[in-house]
PDB file of N, CA and C in Angstrom:
ATOM      1  N   UNK A   1     208.924   7.026  72.141  1.00  0.00           N
ATOM      2  CA  UNK A   1     209.450   7.809  71.072  1.00  0.00           C
ATOM      3  C   UNK A   1     208.619   9.092  70.950  1.00  0.00           C
ATOM      4  N   UNK A   2     209.298  10.209  70.838  1.00  0.00           N
ATOM      5  CA  UNK A   2     208.610  11.496  70.771  1.00  0.00           C
ATOM      6  C   UNK A   2     208.138  11.760  69.357  1.00  0.00           C
ATOM      7  N   UNK A   3     206.960  12.368  69.268  1.00  0.00           N
ATOM      8  CA  UNK A   3     206.354  12.667  67.990  1.00  0.00           C
ATOM      9  C   UNK A   3     206.052  14.152  67.893  1.00  0.00           C
ATOM     10  N   UNK A   4     206.099  14.634  66.664  1.00  0.00           N
ATOM     11  CA  UNK A   4     205.722  16.018  66.378  1.00  0.00           C
ATOM     12  C   UNK A   4     204.511  15.978  65.467  1.00  0.00           C
ATOM     13  N   UNK A   5     203.414  16.612  65.903  1.00  0.00           N
ATOM     14  CA  UNK A   5     202.176  16.627  65.129  1.00  0.00           C
ATOM     15  C   UNK A   5     201.821  18.058  64.791  1.00  0.00           C
ATOM     16  N   UNK A   6     201.376  18.260  63.561  1.00  0.00           N
ATOM     17  CA  UNK A   6     200.915  19.575  63.122  1.00  0.00           C
ATOM     18  C   UNK A   6     199.443  19.435  62.758  1.00  0.00           C
ATOM     19  N   UNK A   7     198.608  20.232  63.435  1.00  0.00           N
ATOM     20  CA  UNK A   7     197.166  20.172  63.238  1.00  0.00           C
ATOM     21  C   UNK A   7     196.672  21.569  62.888  1.00  0.00           C
ATOM     22  N   UNK A   8     195.891  21.682  61.808  1.00  0.00           N
ATOM     23  CA  UNK A   8     195.328  22.970  61.405  1.00  0.00           C
ATOM     24  C   UNK A   8     193.933  23.098  62.013  1.00  0.00           C
ATOM     25  N   UNK A   9     193.720  24.220  62.696  1.00  0.00           N
ATOM     26  CA  UNK A   9     192.440  24.487  63.365  1.00  0.00           C
ATOM     27  C   UNK A   9     191.973  25.871  62.938  1.00  0.00           C
ATOM     28  N   UNK A  10     190.703  26.035  62.563  1.00  0.00           N
ATOM     29  CA  UNK A  10     190.208  27.378  62.210  1.00  0.00           C
ATOM     30  C   UNK A  10     190.021  28.216  63.474  1.00  0.00           C
ATOM     31  N   UNK A  11     190.876  29.227  63.658  1.00  0.00           N
ATOM     32  CA  UNK A  11     190.806  30.038  64.871  1.00  0.00           C
ATOM     33  C   UNK A  11     190.218  31.417  64.626  1.00  0.00           C
ATOM     34  N   UNK A  12     189.988  31.789  63.381  1.00  0.00           N
ATOM     35  CA  UNK A  12     189.342  33.057  63.025  1.00  0.00           C
ATOM     36  C   UNK A  12     190.053  34.280  63.595  1.00  0.00           C
ATOM     37  N   UNK A  13     191.326  34.179  63.898  1.00  0.00           N
ATOM     38  CA  UNK A  13     192.105  35.323  64.366  1.00  0.00           C
ATOM     39  C   UNK A  13     191.788  35.770  65.780  1.00  0.00           C
ATOM     40  N   UNK A  14     191.071  34.997  66.539  1.00  0.00           N
ATOM     41  CA  UNK A  14     190.729  35.396  67.909  1.00  0.00           C
ATOM     42  C   UNK A  14     191.671  34.738  68.903  1.00  0.00           C
ATOM     43  N   UNK A  15     192.042  35.488  69.924  1.00  0.00           N
ATOM     44  CA  UNK A  15     192.924  34.936  70.962  1.00  0.00           C
ATOM     45  C   UNK A  15     192.212  33.870  71.781  1.00  0.00           C
ATOM     46  N   UNK A  16     190.912  34.046  71.997  1.00  0.00           N
ATOM     47  CA  UNK A  16     190.173  33.066  72.785  1.00  0.00           C
ATOM     48  C   UNK A  16     190.178  31.706  72.103  1.00  0.00           C
ATOM     49  N   UNK A  17     190.041  31.697  70.788  1.00  0.00           N
ATOM     50  CA  UNK A  17     190.040  30.435  70.050  1.00  0.00           C
ATOM     51  C   UNK A  17     191.396  29.755  70.149  1.00  0.00           C
ATOM     52  N   UNK A  18     192.460  30.552  70.039  1.00  0.00           N
ATOM     53  CA  UNK A  18     193.806  29.983  70.135  1.00  0.00           C
ATOM     54  C   UNK A  18     194.063  29.389  71.512  1.00  0.00           C
ATOM     55  N   UNK A  19     193.696  30.130  72.547  1.00  0.00           N
ATOM     56  CA  UNK A  19     193.937  29.622  73.902  1.00  0.00           C
ATOM     57  C   UNK A  19     193.053  28.409  74.193  1.00  0.00           C
ATOM     58  N   UNK A  20     191.836  28.386  73.658  1.00  0.00           N
ATOM     59  CA  UNK A  20     190.957  27.249  73.847  1.00  0.00           C
ATOM     60  C   UNK A  20     191.533  26.011  73.154  1.00  0.00           C
ATOM     61  N   UNK A  21     192.100  26.197  71.956  1.00  0.00           N
ATOM     62  CA  UNK A  21     192.717  25.083  71.232  1.00  0.00           C
ATOM     63  C   UNK A  21     193.937  24.566  71.983  1.00  0.00           C
ATOM     64  N   UNK A  22     194.724  25.475  72.534  1.00  0.00           N
ATOM     65  CA  UNK A  22     195.917  25.054  73.272  1.00  0.00           C
ATOM     66  C   UNK A  22     195.530  24.341  74.566  1.00  0.00           C
ATOM     67  N   UNK A  23     194.503  24.821  75.251  1.00  0.00           N
ATOM     68  CA  UNK A  23     194.056  24.160  76.478  1.00  0.00           C
ATOM     69  C   UNK A  23     193.529  22.761  76.198  1.00  0.00           C
ATOM     70  N   UNK A  24     192.853  22.601  75.081  1.00  0.00           N
ATOM     71  CA  UNK A  24     192.353  21.282  74.704  1.00  0.00           C
ATOM     72  C   UNK A  24     193.507  20.335  74.429  1.00  0.00           C
ATOM     73  N   UNK A  25     194.516  20.830  73.726  1.00  0.00           N
ATOM     74  CA  UNK A  25     195.661  19.986  73.378  1.00  0.00           C
ATOM     75  C   UNK A  25     196.489  19.629  74.607  1.00  0.00           C
ATOM     76  N   UNK A  26     196.582  20.532  75.564  1.00  0.00           N
ATOM     77  CA  UNK A  26     197.369  20.261  76.769  1.00  0.00           C
ATOM     78  C   UNK A  26     196.713  19.177  77.607  1.00  0.00           C
ATOM     79  N   UNK A  27     195.400  19.055  77.533  1.00  0.00           N
ATOM     80  CA  UNK A  27     194.681  18.081  78.337  1.00  0.00           C
ATOM     81  C   UNK A  27     194.885  16.636  77.911  1.00  0.00           C
ATOM     82  N   UNK A  28     195.472  16.404  76.752  1.00  0.00           N
ATOM     83  CA  UNK A  28     195.692  15.044  76.266  1.00  0.00           C
ATOM     84  C   UNK A  28     196.925  14.473  76.957  1.00  0.00           C
ATOM     85  N   UNK A  29     196.860  13.236  77.470  1.00  0.00           N
ATOM     86  CA  UNK A  29     198.012  12.655  78.149  1.00  0.00           C
ATOM     87  C   UNK A  29     199.207  12.473  77.204  1.00  0.00           C
ATOM     88  N   UNK A  30     200.386  12.816  77.704  1.00  0.00           N
ATOM     89  CA  UNK A  30     201.624  12.634  76.954  1.00  0.00           C
ATOM     90  C   UNK A  30     202.129  13.888  76.266  1.00  0.00           C
ATOM     91  N   UNK A  31     201.352  14.957  76.236  1.00  0.00           N
ATOM     92  CA  UNK A  31     201.761  16.189  75.561  1.00  0.00           C
ATOM     93  C   UNK A  31     202.812  16.897  76.402  1.00  0.00           C
ATOM     94  N   UNK A  32     203.927  17.263  75.763  1.00  0.00           N
ATOM     95  CA  UNK A  32     205.016  17.938  76.472  1.00  0.00           C
ATOM     96  C   UNK A  32     205.126  19.408  76.107  1.00  0.00           C
ATOM     97  N   UNK A  33     204.908  19.763  74.844  1.00  0.00           N
ATOM     98  CA  UNK A  33     204.988  21.169  74.460  1.00  0.00           C
ATOM     99  C   UNK A  33     204.029  21.449  73.310  1.00  0.00           C
ATOM    100  N   UNK A  34     203.606  22.709  73.244  1.00  0.00           N
ATOM    101  CA  UNK A  34     202.665  23.152  72.221  1.00  0.00           C
ATOM    102  C   UNK A  34     203.137  24.502  71.708  1.00  0.00           C
ATOM    103  N   UNK A  35     203.006  24.705  70.405  1.00  0.00           N
ATOM    104  CA  UNK A  35     203.360  25.984  69.801  1.00  0.00           C
ATOM    105  C   UNK A  35     202.370  26.284  68.686  1.00  0.00           C
ATOM    106  N   UNK A  36     202.231  27.568  68.375  1.00  0.00           N
ATOM    107  CA  UNK A  36     201.384  28.001  67.273  1.00  0.00           C
ATOM    108  C   UNK A  36     202.281  28.395  66.112  1.00  0.00           C
ATOM    109  N   UNK A  37     201.936  27.958  64.914  1.00  0.00           N
ATOM    110  CA  UNK A  37     202.699  28.291  63.728  1.00  0.00           C
ATOM    111  C   UNK A  37     201.749  28.647  62.607  1.00  0.00           C
ATOM    112  N   UNK A  38     202.306  29.046  61.481  1.00  0.00           N
ATOM    113  CA  UNK A  38     201.511  29.385  60.306  1.00  0.00           C
ATOM    114  C   UNK A  38     201.333  30.881  60.190  1.00  0.00           C
ATOM    115  N   UNK A  39     200.822  31.297  59.032  1.00  0.00           N
ATOM    116  CA  UNK A  39     200.632  32.721  58.778  1.00  0.00           C
ATOM    117  C   UNK A  39     199.599  33.332  59.723  1.00  0.00           C
ATOM    118  N   UNK A  40     198.508  32.642  59.922  1.00  0.00           N
ATOM    119  CA  UNK A  40     197.436  33.145  60.782  1.00  0.00           C
ATOM    120  C   UNK A  40     197.458  32.523  62.169  1.00  0.00           C
ATOM    121  N   UNK A  41     198.542  31.870  62.498  1.00  0.00           N
ATOM    122  CA  UNK A  41     198.653  31.142  63.772  1.00  0.00           C
ATOM    123  C   UNK A  41     197.521  30.127  63.898  1.00  0.00           C
ATOM    124  N   UNK A  42     197.217  29.458  62.791  1.00  0.00           N
ATOM    125  CA  UNK A  42     196.133  28.495  62.795  1.00  0.00           C
ATOM    126  C   UNK A  42     196.623  27.057  62.818  1.00  0.00           C
ATOM    127  N   UNK A  43     197.924  26.854  62.973  1.00  0.00           N
ATOM    128  CA  UNK A  43     198.481  25.506  63.065  1.00  0.00           C
ATOM    129  C   UNK A  43     199.036  25.292  64.463  1.00  0.00           C
ATOM    130  N   UNK A  44     198.643  24.193  65.072  1.00  0.00           N
ATOM    131  CA  UNK A  44     199.123  23.846  66.399  1.00  0.00           C
ATOM    132  C   UNK A  44     200.174  22.753  66.236  1.00  0.00           C
ATOM    133  N   UNK A  45     201.368  22.996  66.759  1.00  0.00           N
ATOM    134  CA  UNK A  45     202.437  22.005  66.736  1.00  0.00           C
ATOM    135  C   UNK A  45     202.516  21.394  68.127  1.00  0.00           C
ATOM    136  N   UNK A  46     202.287  20.088  68.203  1.00  0.00           N
ATOM    137  CA  UNK A  46     202.271  19.376  69.475  1.00  0.00           C
ATOM    138  C   UNK A  46     203.432  18.391  69.487  1.00  0.00           C
ATOM    139  N   UNK A  47     204.240  18.447  70.521  1.00  0.00           N
ATOM    140  CA  UNK A  47     205.331  17.495  70.714  1.00  0.00           C
ATOM    141  C   UNK A  47     205.048  16.738  71.989  1.00  0.00           C
ATOM    142  N   UNK A  48     205.113  15.405  71.892  1.00  0.00           N
ATOM    143  CA  UNK A  48     204.833  14.596  73.061  1.00  0.00           C
ATOM    144  C   UNK A  48     205.259  13.165  72.877  1.00  0.00           C
ATOM    145  N   UNK A  49     205.159  12.441  73.957  1.00  0.00           N
ATOM    146  CA  UNK A  49     205.557  11.040  73.981  1.00  0.00           C
ATOM    147  C   UNK A  49     204.298  10.182  73.991  1.00  0.00           C
ATOM    148  N   UNK A  50     204.143   9.349  72.994  1.00  0.00           N
ATOM    149  CA  UNK A  50     203.011   8.426  72.821  1.00  0.00           C
ATOM    150  C   UNK A  50     201.663   9.148  72.910  1.00  0.00           C
ATOM    151  N   UNK A  51     201.539  10.239  72.143  1.00  0.00           N
ATOM    152  CA  UNK A  51     200.291  10.995  72.070  1.00  0.00           C
ATOM    153  C   UNK A  51     199.460  10.413  70.929  1.00  0.00           C
ATOM    154  N   UNK A  52     198.189  10.187  71.188  1.00  0.00           N
ATOM    155  CA  UNK A  52     197.288   9.674  70.165  1.00  0.00           C
ATOM    156  C   UNK A  52     196.853  10.849  69.284  1.00  0.00           C
ATOM    157  N   UNK A  53     197.398  10.919  68.083  1.00  0.00           N
ATOM    158  CA  UNK A  53     197.132  12.052  67.195  1.00  0.00           C
ATOM    159  C   UNK A  53     195.686  12.059  66.698  1.00  0.00           C
ATOM    160  N   UNK A  54     195.114  10.894  66.482  1.00  0.00           N
ATOM    161  CA  UNK A  54     193.725  10.818  66.023  1.00  0.00           C
ATOM    162  C   UNK A  54     192.785  11.297  67.126  1.00  0.00           C
ATOM    163  N   UNK A  55     193.037  10.895  68.355  1.00  0.00           N
ATOM    164  CA  UNK A  55     192.214  11.327  69.486  1.00  0.00           C
ATOM    165  C   UNK A  55     192.301  12.846  69.666  1.00  0.00           C
ATOM    166  N   UNK A  56     193.504  13.395  69.558  1.00  0.00           N
ATOM    167  CA  UNK A  56     193.691  14.837  69.701  1.00  0.00           C
ATOM    168  C   UNK A  56     192.953  15.589  68.601  1.00  0.00           C
ATOM    169  N   UNK A  57     193.031  15.093  67.371  1.00  0.00           N
ATOM    170  CA  UNK A  57     192.335  15.739  66.260  1.00  0.00           C
ATOM    171  C   UNK A  57     190.820  15.666  66.450  1.00  0.00           C
ATOM    172  N   UNK A  58     190.317  14.548  66.931  1.00  0.00           N
ATOM    173  CA  UNK A  58     188.878  14.413  67.188  1.00  0.00           C
ATOM    174  C   UNK A  58     188.417  15.370  68.280  1.00  0.00           C
ATOM    175  N   UNK A  59     189.214  15.540  69.324  1.00  0.00           N
ATOM    176  CA  UNK A  59     188.858  16.488  70.388  1.00  0.00           C
ATOM    177  C   UNK A  59     188.790  17.914  69.852  1.00  0.00           C
ATOM    178  N   UNK A  60     189.750  18.277  68.998  1.00  0.00           N
ATOM    179  CA  UNK A  60     189.747  19.617  68.422  1.00  0.00           C
ATOM    180  C   UNK A  60     188.573  19.799  67.454  1.00  0.00           C
ATOM    181  N   UNK A  61     188.190  18.743  66.770  1.00  0.00           N
ATOM    182  CA  UNK A  61     187.015  18.824  65.888  1.00  0.00           C
ATOM    183  C   UNK A  61     185.746  19.058  66.690  1.00  0.00           C
ATOM    184  N   UNK A  62     185.641  18.438  67.855  1.00  0.00           N
ATOM    185  CA  UNK A  62     184.464  18.634  68.701  1.00  0.00           C
ATOM    186  C   UNK A  62     184.363  20.086  69.165  1.00  0.00           C
ATOM    187  N   UNK A  63     185.507  20.698  69.470  1.00  0.00           N
ATOM    188  CA  UNK A  63     185.510  22.073  69.975  1.00  0.00           C
ATOM    189  C   UNK A  63     185.297  23.104  68.871  1.00  0.00           C
ATOM    190  N   UNK A  64     185.918  22.878  67.680  1.00  0.00           N
ATOM    191  CA  UNK A  64     185.938  23.904  66.645  1.00  0.00           C
ATOM    192  C   UNK A  64     185.165  23.550  65.378  1.00  0.00           C
ATOM    193  N   UNK A  65     184.631  22.361  65.279  1.00  0.00           N
ATOM    194  CA  UNK A  65     183.875  21.984  64.106  1.00  0.00           C
ATOM    195  C   UNK A  65     184.719  21.342  63.026  1.00  0.00           C
ATOM    196  N   UNK A  66     185.961  21.771  62.884  1.00  0.00           N
ATOM    197  CA  UNK A  66     186.853  21.141  61.912  1.00  0.00           C
ATOM    198  C   UNK A  66     188.284  21.260  62.402  1.00  0.00           C
ATOM    199  N   UNK A  67     189.046  20.236  62.127  1.00  0.00           N
ATOM    200  CA  UNK A  67     190.476  20.209  62.422  1.00  0.00           C
ATOM    201  C   UNK A  67     191.111  19.227  61.447  1.00  0.00           C
ATOM    202  N   UNK A  68     192.276  19.570  60.950  1.00  0.00           N
ATOM    203  CA  UNK A  68     192.931  18.748  59.937  1.00  0.00           C
ATOM    204  C   UNK A  68     194.324  18.366  60.412  1.00  0.00           C
ATOM    205  N   UNK A  69     194.584  17.083  60.480  1.00  0.00           N
ATOM    206  CA  UNK A  69     195.894  16.574  60.865  1.00  0.00           C
ATOM    207  C   UNK A  69     196.800  16.664  59.646  1.00  0.00           C
ATOM    208  N   UNK A  70     197.801  17.570  59.713  1.00  0.00           N
ATOM    209  CA  UNK A  70     198.667  17.796  58.558  1.00  0.00           C
ATOM    210  C   UNK A  70     199.838  16.836  58.500  1.00  0.00           C
ATOM    211  N   UNK A  71     200.514  16.632  59.620  1.00  0.00           N
ATOM    212  CA  UNK A  71     201.679  15.740  59.593  1.00  0.00           C
ATOM    213  C   UNK A  71     201.957  15.172  60.982  1.00  0.00           C
ATOM    214  N   UNK A  72     202.551  13.983  60.961  1.00  0.00           N
ATOM    215  CA  UNK A  72     203.028  13.334  62.175  1.00  0.00           C
ATOM    216  C   UNK A  72     204.423  12.821  61.859  1.00  0.00           C
ATOM    217  N   UNK A  73     205.406  13.223  62.656  1.00  0.00           N
ATOM    218  CA  UNK A  73     206.777  12.790  62.413  1.00  0.00           C
ATOM    219  C   UNK A  73     207.487  12.555  63.735  1.00  0.00           C
ATOM    220  N   UNK A  74     208.546  11.755  63.674  1.00  0.00           N
ATOM    221  CA  UNK A  74     209.351  11.477  64.866  1.00  0.00           C
ATOM    222  C   UNK A  74     210.317  12.629  65.097  1.00  0.00           C
ATOM    223  N   UNK A  75     210.579  12.915  66.365  1.00  0.00           N
ATOM    224  CA  UNK A  75     211.484  13.996  66.732  1.00  0.00           C
ATOM    225  C   UNK A  75     212.688  13.393  67.427  1.00  0.00           C
ATOM    226  N   UNK A  76     213.874  13.762  66.963  1.00  0.00           N
ATOM    227  CA  UNK A  76     215.075  13.290  67.646  1.00  0.00           C
ATOM    228  C   UNK A  76     215.336  14.174  68.857  1.00  0.00           C
ATOM    229  N   UNK A  77     215.985  13.632  69.853  1.00  0.00           N
ATOM    230  CA  UNK A  77     216.250  14.361  71.097  1.00  0.00           C
ATOM    231  C   UNK A  77     217.157  15.570  70.851  1.00  0.00           C
ATOM    232  N   UNK A  78     218.089  15.454  69.939  1.00  0.00           N
ATOM    233  CA  UNK A  78     219.031  16.539  69.698  1.00  0.00           C
ATOM    234  C   UNK A  78     218.327  17.756  69.104  1.00  0.00           C
ATOM    235  N   UNK A  79     217.436  17.541  68.132  1.00  0.00           N
ATOM    236  CA  UNK A  79     216.717  18.649  67.520  1.00  0.00           C
ATOM    237  C   UNK A  79     215.786  19.317  68.519  1.00  0.00           C
ATOM    238  N   UNK A  80     215.191  18.524  69.365  1.00  0.00           N
ATOM    239  CA  UNK A  80     214.261  19.087  70.340  1.00  0.00           C
ATOM    240  C   UNK A  80     215.003  19.971  71.338  1.00  0.00           C
ATOM    241  N   UNK A  81     216.182  19.556  71.779  1.00  0.00           N
ATOM    242  CA  UNK A  81     216.942  20.367  72.722  1.00  0.00           C
ATOM    243  C   UNK A  81     217.388  21.671  72.076  1.00  0.00           C
ATOM    244  N   UNK A  82     217.719  21.651  70.786  1.00  0.00           N
ATOM    245  CA  UNK A  82     218.093  22.876  70.090  1.00  0.00           C
ATOM    246  C   UNK A  82     216.915  23.832  70.011  1.00  0.00           C
ATOM    247  N   UNK A  83     215.746  23.309  69.755  1.00  0.00           N
ATOM    248  CA  UNK A  83     214.546  24.145  69.656  1.00  0.00           C
ATOM    249  C   UNK A  83     214.143  24.709  71.008  1.00  0.00           C
ATOM    250  N   UNK A  84     214.380  24.001  72.074  1.00  0.00           N
ATOM    251  CA  UNK A  84     213.947  24.437  73.400  1.00  0.00           C
ATOM    252  C   UNK A  84     214.873  25.465  74.027  1.00  0.00           C
ATOM    253  N   UNK A  85     216.067  25.693  73.478  1.00  0.00           N
ATOM    254  CA  UNK A  85     216.995  26.635  74.091  1.00  0.00           C
ATOM    255  C   UNK A  85     217.022  27.977  73.385  1.00  0.00           C
ATOM    256  N   UNK A  86     216.290  28.141  72.291  1.00  0.00           N
ATOM    257  CA  UNK A  86     216.301  29.394  71.539  1.00  0.00           C
ATOM    258  C   UNK A  86     215.592  30.505  72.290  1.00  0.00           C
ATOM    259  N   UNK A  87     215.762  31.739  71.796  1.00  0.00           N
ATOM    260  CA  UNK A  87     215.081  32.867  72.439  1.00  0.00           C
ATOM    261  C   UNK A  87     213.588  32.813  72.171  1.00  0.00           C
ATOM    262  N   UNK A  88     212.826  33.271  73.127  1.00  0.00           N
ATOM    263  CA  UNK A  88     211.378  33.303  72.976  1.00  0.00           C
ATOM    264  C   UNK A  88     210.688  31.995  73.309  1.00  0.00           C
ATOM    265  N   UNK A  89     211.433  31.000  73.757  1.00  0.00           N
ATOM    266  CA  UNK A  89     210.838  29.718  74.101  1.00  0.00           C
ATOM    267  C   UNK A  89     210.624  29.681  75.608  1.00  0.00           C
ATOM    268  N   UNK A  90     209.431  29.348  76.008  1.00  0.00           N
ATOM    269  CA  UNK A  90     209.126  29.275  77.435  1.00  0.00           C
ATOM    270  C   UNK A  90     209.765  28.037  78.043  1.00  0.00           C
ATOM    271  N   UNK A  91     210.441  28.218  79.129  1.00  0.00           N
ATOM    272  CA  UNK A  91     211.035  27.100  79.847  1.00  0.00           C
ATOM    273  C   UNK A  91     210.012  26.574  80.844  1.00  0.00           C
ATOM    274  N   UNK A  92     210.019  25.272  81.086  1.00  0.00           N
ATOM    275  CA  UNK A  92     209.054  24.730  82.045  1.00  0.00           C
ATOM    276  C   UNK A  92     209.313  25.266  83.447  1.00  0.00           C
ATOM    277  N   UNK A  93     208.240  25.545  84.160  1.00  0.00           N
ATOM    278  CA  UNK A  93     208.350  26.094  85.507  1.00  0.00           C
ATOM    279  C   UNK A  93     208.127  24.977  86.512  1.00  0.00           C
ATOM    280  N   UNK A  94     208.971  24.924  87.491  1.00  0.00           N
ATOM    281  CA  UNK A  94     208.857  23.901  88.520  1.00  0.00           C
ATOM    282  C   UNK A  94     208.183  24.532  89.728  1.00  0.00           C
ATOM    283  N   UNK A  95     207.039  23.998  90.075  1.00  0.00           N
ATOM    284  CA  UNK A  95     206.279  24.507  91.213  1.00  0.00           C
ATOM    285  C   UNK A  95     206.645  23.703  92.456  1.00  0.00           C
ATOM    286  N   UNK A  96     206.720  24.350  93.602  1.00  0.00           N
ATOM    287  CA  UNK A  96     206.993  23.599  94.834  1.00  0.00           C
ATOM    288  C   UNK A  96     205.801  22.706  95.161  1.00  0.00           C
ATOM    289  N   UNK A  97     206.065  21.603  95.810  1.00  0.00           N
ATOM    290  CA  UNK A  97     204.959  20.702  96.141  1.00  0.00           C
ATOM    291  C   UNK A  97     203.997  21.374  97.120  1.00  0.00           C
ATOM    292  N   UNK A  98     202.739  21.173  96.888  1.00  0.00           N
ATOM    293  CA  UNK A  98     201.705  21.754  97.733  1.00  0.00           C
ATOM    294  C   UNK A  98     200.717  20.665  98.069  1.00  0.00           C
ATOM    295  N   UNK A  99     200.461  20.493  99.326  1.00  0.00           N
ATOM    296  CA  UNK A  99     199.507  19.486  99.761  1.00  0.00           C
ATOM    297  C   UNK A  99     198.252  20.195 100.224  1.00  0.00           C
ATOM    298  N   UNK A 100     197.268  20.155  99.368  1.00  0.00           N
ATOM    299  CA  UNK A 100     196.008  20.806  99.701  1.00  0.00           C
ATOM    300  C   UNK A 100     195.204  19.917 100.633  1.00  0.00           C
ATOM    301  N   UNK A 101     194.486  20.523 101.486  1.00  0.00           N
ATOM    302  CA  UNK A 101     193.648  19.759 102.390  1.00  0.00           C
ATOM    303  C   UNK A 101     193.248  20.600 103.580  1.00  0.00           C
ATOM    304  N   UNK A 102     192.544  19.993 104.441  1.00  0.00           N
ATOM    305  CA  UNK A 102     192.066  20.659 105.633  1.00  0.00           C
ATOM    306  C   UNK A 102     193.165  20.587 106.692  1.00  0.00           C
ATOM    307  N   UNK A 103     193.462  21.697 107.346  1.00  0.00           N
ATOM    308  CA  UNK A 103     194.470  21.634 108.393  1.00  0.00           C
ATOM    309  C   UNK A 103     194.012  20.723 109.527  1.00  0.00           C
ATOM    310  N   UNK A 104     194.954  20.032 110.082  1.00  0.00           N
ATOM    311  CA  UNK A 104     194.625  19.105 111.158  1.00  0.00           C
ATOM    312  C   UNK A 104     194.837  19.788 112.506  1.00  0.00           C
ATOM    313  N   UNK A 105     193.854  19.629 113.352  1.00  0.00           N
ATOM    314  CA  UNK A 105     193.917  20.191 114.683  1.00  0.00           C
ATOM    315  C   UNK A 105     194.059  19.045 115.684  1.00  0.00           C
ATOM    316  N   UNK A 106     194.903  19.247 116.639  1.00  0.00           N
ATOM    317  CA  UNK A 106     195.110  18.236 117.667  1.00  0.00           C
ATOM    318  C   UNK A 106     194.586  18.789 118.980  1.00  0.00           C
ATOM    319  N   UNK A 107     193.728  18.033 119.609  1.00  0.00           N
ATOM    320  CA  UNK A 107     193.165  18.430 120.880  1.00  0.00           C
ATOM    321  C   UNK A 107     193.802  17.582 121.971  1.00  0.00           C
ATOM    322  N   UNK A 108     194.205  18.254 123.000  1.00  0.00           N
ATOM    323  CA  UNK A 108     194.769  17.502 124.120  1.00  0.00           C
ATOM    324  C   UNK A 108     193.648  17.248 125.133  1.00  0.00           C
ATOM    325  N   UNK A 109     193.653  16.069 125.659  1.00  0.00           N
ATOM    326  CA  UNK A 109     192.650  15.724 126.663  1.00  0.00           C
ATOM    327  C   UNK A 109     193.306  15.814 128.033  1.00  0.00           C
ATOM    328  N   UNK A 110     192.680  16.547 128.884  1.00  0.00           N
ATOM    329  CA  UNK A 110     193.199  16.729 130.235  1.00  0.00           C
ATOM    330  C   UNK A 110     192.398  15.823 131.167  1.00  0.00           C
ATOM    331  N   UNK A 111     193.091  14.996 131.897  1.00  0.00           N
ATOM    332  CA  UNK A 111     192.448  14.084 132.827  1.00  0.00           C
ATOM    333  C   UNK A 111     192.476  14.734 134.209  1.00  0.00           C
ATOM    334  N   UNK A 112     191.305  14.975 134.752  1.00  0.00           N
ATOM    335  CA  UNK A 112     191.213  15.556 136.088  1.00  0.00           C
ATOM    336  C   UNK A 112     191.048  14.414 137.085  1.00  0.00           C
ATOM    337  N   UNK A 113     191.916  14.405 138.017  1.00  0.00           N
ATOM    338  CA  UNK A 113     191.802  13.385 139.054  1.00  0.00           C
ATOM    339  C   UNK A 113     191.025  13.969 140.228  1.00  0.00           C
ATOM    340  N   UNK A 114     190.156  13.160 140.727  1.00  0.00           N
ATOM    341  CA  UNK A 114     189.378  13.571 141.881  1.00  0.00           C
ATOM    342  C   UNK A 114     190.291  13.509 143.108  1.00  0.00           C
ATOM    343  N   UNK A 115     190.317  14.593 143.882  1.00  0.00           N
ATOM    344  CA  UNK A 115     191.205  14.619 145.037  1.00  0.00           C
ATOM    345  C   UNK A 115     190.753  13.648 146.112  1.00  0.00           C
ATOM    346  N   UNK A 116     189.466  13.447 146.190  1.00  0.00           N
ATOM    347  CA  UNK A 116     188.951  12.470 147.141  1.00  0.00           C
ATOM    348  C   UNK A 116     188.801  11.151 146.411  1.00  0.00           C
ATOM    349  N   UNK A 117     189.360  10.121 146.929  1.00  0.00           N
ATOM    350  CA  UNK A 117     189.350   8.832 146.274  1.00  0.00           C
ATOM    351  C   UNK A 117     188.056   8.052 146.486  1.00  0.00           C
ATOM    352  N   UNK A 118     187.138   8.555 147.257  1.00  0.00           N
ATOM    353  CA  UNK A 118     185.908   7.814 147.459  1.00  0.00           C
ATOM    354  C   UNK A 118     184.954   8.104 146.299  1.00  0.00           C
ATOM    355  N   UNK A 119     184.069   7.177 146.067  1.00  0.00           N
ATOM    356  CA  UNK A 119     183.169   7.213 144.941  1.00  0.00           C
ATOM    357  C   UNK A 119     182.031   8.194 145.242  1.00  0.00           C
ATOM    358  N   UNK A 120     181.871   9.179 144.379  1.00  0.00           N
ATOM    359  CA  UNK A 120     180.763  10.118 144.537  1.00  0.00           C
ATOM    360  C   UNK A 120     179.839   9.967 143.353  1.00  0.00           C
ATOM    361  N   UNK A 121     178.666   9.530 143.613  1.00  0.00           N
ATOM    362  CA  UNK A 121     177.679   9.329 142.580  1.00  0.00           C
ATOM    363  C   UNK A 121     176.631  10.409 142.721  1.00  0.00           C
ATOM    364  N   UNK A 122     176.349  11.103 141.636  1.00  0.00           N
ATOM    365  CA  UNK A 122     175.388  12.210 141.710  1.00  0.00           C
ATOM    366  C   UNK A 122     173.955  11.719 141.676  1.00  0.00           C
ATOM    367  N   UNK A 123     173.743  10.490 141.229  1.00  0.00           N
ATOM    368  CA  UNK A 123     172.371   9.985 141.152  1.00  0.00           C
ATOM    369  C   UNK A 123     171.898   9.531 142.533  1.00  0.00           C
ATOM    370  N   UNK A 124     172.728   8.938 143.318  1.00  0.00           N
ATOM    371  CA  UNK A 124     172.299   8.410 144.605  1.00  0.00           C
ATOM    372  C   UNK A 124     172.619   9.336 145.714  1.00  0.00           C
TER     373      UNK A 124
END
C-alpha cells in the first residue's frame, strides 16, 4: 500500500540543504517520488511503498538536527496518477542497461608443429 508522508525539515532557504534532504530521502528503500512543498519549501512530501516513516525522519534528524513528521496517509492509485500527469512534474527516466566491468580479451593460442618429427632436446 502506498503512503504519503509530509516531513518538515529546517532548510534555511539554501539549495544545498534542500538537495541534501532530498538525497537522504531518496536513499531509503521503497521511496518512489519526492516533492518540496510549503511556503519556504521546507516540507518534503515522500510517496512510496512500505517506507518506514520513523526511520526516514530519524535519518533527516541526523543530517539536519531536527525534523518533524507532520502526516502519514494512504494514497489511492487514481489520485497518484492524476498528480503525476500534471505540468511541471518530472517523469521517470528509463536508462538503458549498462554492464560495467573490465573488457574481456581473448587470446588465441597458436600451436606450432615441428616440421621434423624427431625429438630435439636442447639440453642433451
